[in-house]
Amino acid sequence: MDTSKMIKAYCLKTKEKNVPMHDAVITKTAKGGYMASGNDGKGNKMAAILSEAKALQAIADGVAKKGF
């Protein structure tokens, strides 16, 4: 998979920045924002807050699933 289009986030467990998120699912927050949750490929859970444009682009690129 092309990692340049993948959602990148900070991994709290390993303290790494810009880690590509695998199995990403985009959800909507209670206030209408967008959030991606997935893992780093090693089993560590990750989450990231996204803008609407980035969230919809990730779904359109096929790197994330729509969860709302």
Protein backbone atom coordinates (compact mmCIF):
# COMPACT_ATOMS: atom_id res chain seq x y z
CA MET A 1 0.00 0.00 0.00
CA ASP A 2 1.18 3.52 -0.74
CA THR A 3 2.29 4.96 2.63
CA SER A 4 2.35 8.55 1.31
CA LYS A 5 -1.48 8.66 1.31
CA MET A 6 -1.90 6.90 4.67
CA ILE A 7 -3.01 8.81 7.75
CA LYS A 8 -0.02 9.58 9.94
CA ALA A 9 -0.27 9.97 13.71
CA TYR A 10 1.78 10.02 16.92
CA CYS A 11 2.14 6.67 18.69
CA LEU A 12 1.95 7.21 22.46
CA LYS A 13 3.38 3.82 23.34
CA THR A 14 6.55 3.99 21.20
CA LYS A 15 6.84 7.83 21.23
CA GLU A 16 7.27 7.91 17.43
CA LYS A 17 5.99 10.75 15.24
CA ASN A 18 4.36 10.42 11.78
CA VAL A 19 3.67 6.69 12.03
CA PRO A 20 1.41 5.39 9.21
CA MET A 21 -1.95 4.17 10.54
CA HIS A 22 -3.13 0.72 9.42
CA ASP A 23 -6.79 -0.41 9.43
CA ALA A 24 -7.97 3.19 9.92
CA VAL A 25 -11.65 3.87 10.59
CA ILE A 26 -12.97 7.44 10.37
CA THR A 27 -15.70 8.34 12.88
CA LYS A 28 -17.51 11.56 13.75
CA THR A 29 -17.23 13.06 17.23
CA ALA A 30 -20.19 14.36 19.22
CA LYS A 31 -19.37 17.94 18.19
CA GLY A 32 -19.13 17.06 14.48
CA GLY A 33 -15.36 16.70 14.13
CA TYR A 34 -13.61 13.75 12.50
CA MET A 35 -11.40 11.19 14.22
CA ALA A 36 -9.35 8.30 12.84
CA SER A 37 -8.55 5.22 14.89
CA GLY A 38 -6.40 2.27 13.91
CA ASN A 39 -3.08 0.64 14.73
CA ASP A 40 0.58 1.06 13.81
CA GLY A 41 1.02 -2.38 12.26
CA LYS A 42 2.58 -3.76 15.46
CA GLY A 43 -0.68 -3.94 17.41
CA ASN A 44 -0.40 -0.58 19.19
CA LYS A 45 -3.63 1.42 19.02
CA MET A 46 -3.53 4.93 17.58
CA ALA A 47 -5.98 7.80 17.17
CA ALA A 48 -5.85 11.16 15.39
CA ILE A 49 -8.13 14.18 15.05
CA LEU A 50 -8.61 15.18 11.39
CA SER A 51 -10.14 18.00 9.44
CA GLU A 52 -13.16 17.24 7.31
CA ALA A 53 -11.13 17.57 4.10
CA LYS A 54 -8.42 15.13 5.24
CA ALA A 55 -10.98 12.64 6.57
CA LEU A 56 -13.00 12.57 3.35
CA GLN A 57 -9.82 12.43 1.24
CA ALA A 58 -8.58 9.40 3.22
CA ILE A 59 -11.90 7.63 2.60
CA ALA A 60 -11.79 8.51 -1.11
CA ASP A 61 -8.16 7.28 -1.41
CA GLY A 62 -9.14 3.95 0.15
CA VAL A 63 -6.74 4.15 3.10
CA ALA A 64 -9.56 4.44 5.66
CA LYS A 65 -13.05 3.05 6.13
CA LYS A 66 -16.11 5.16 6.79
CA GLY A 67 -17.44 4.48 10.28
CA PHE A 68 -20.27 7.02 10.43
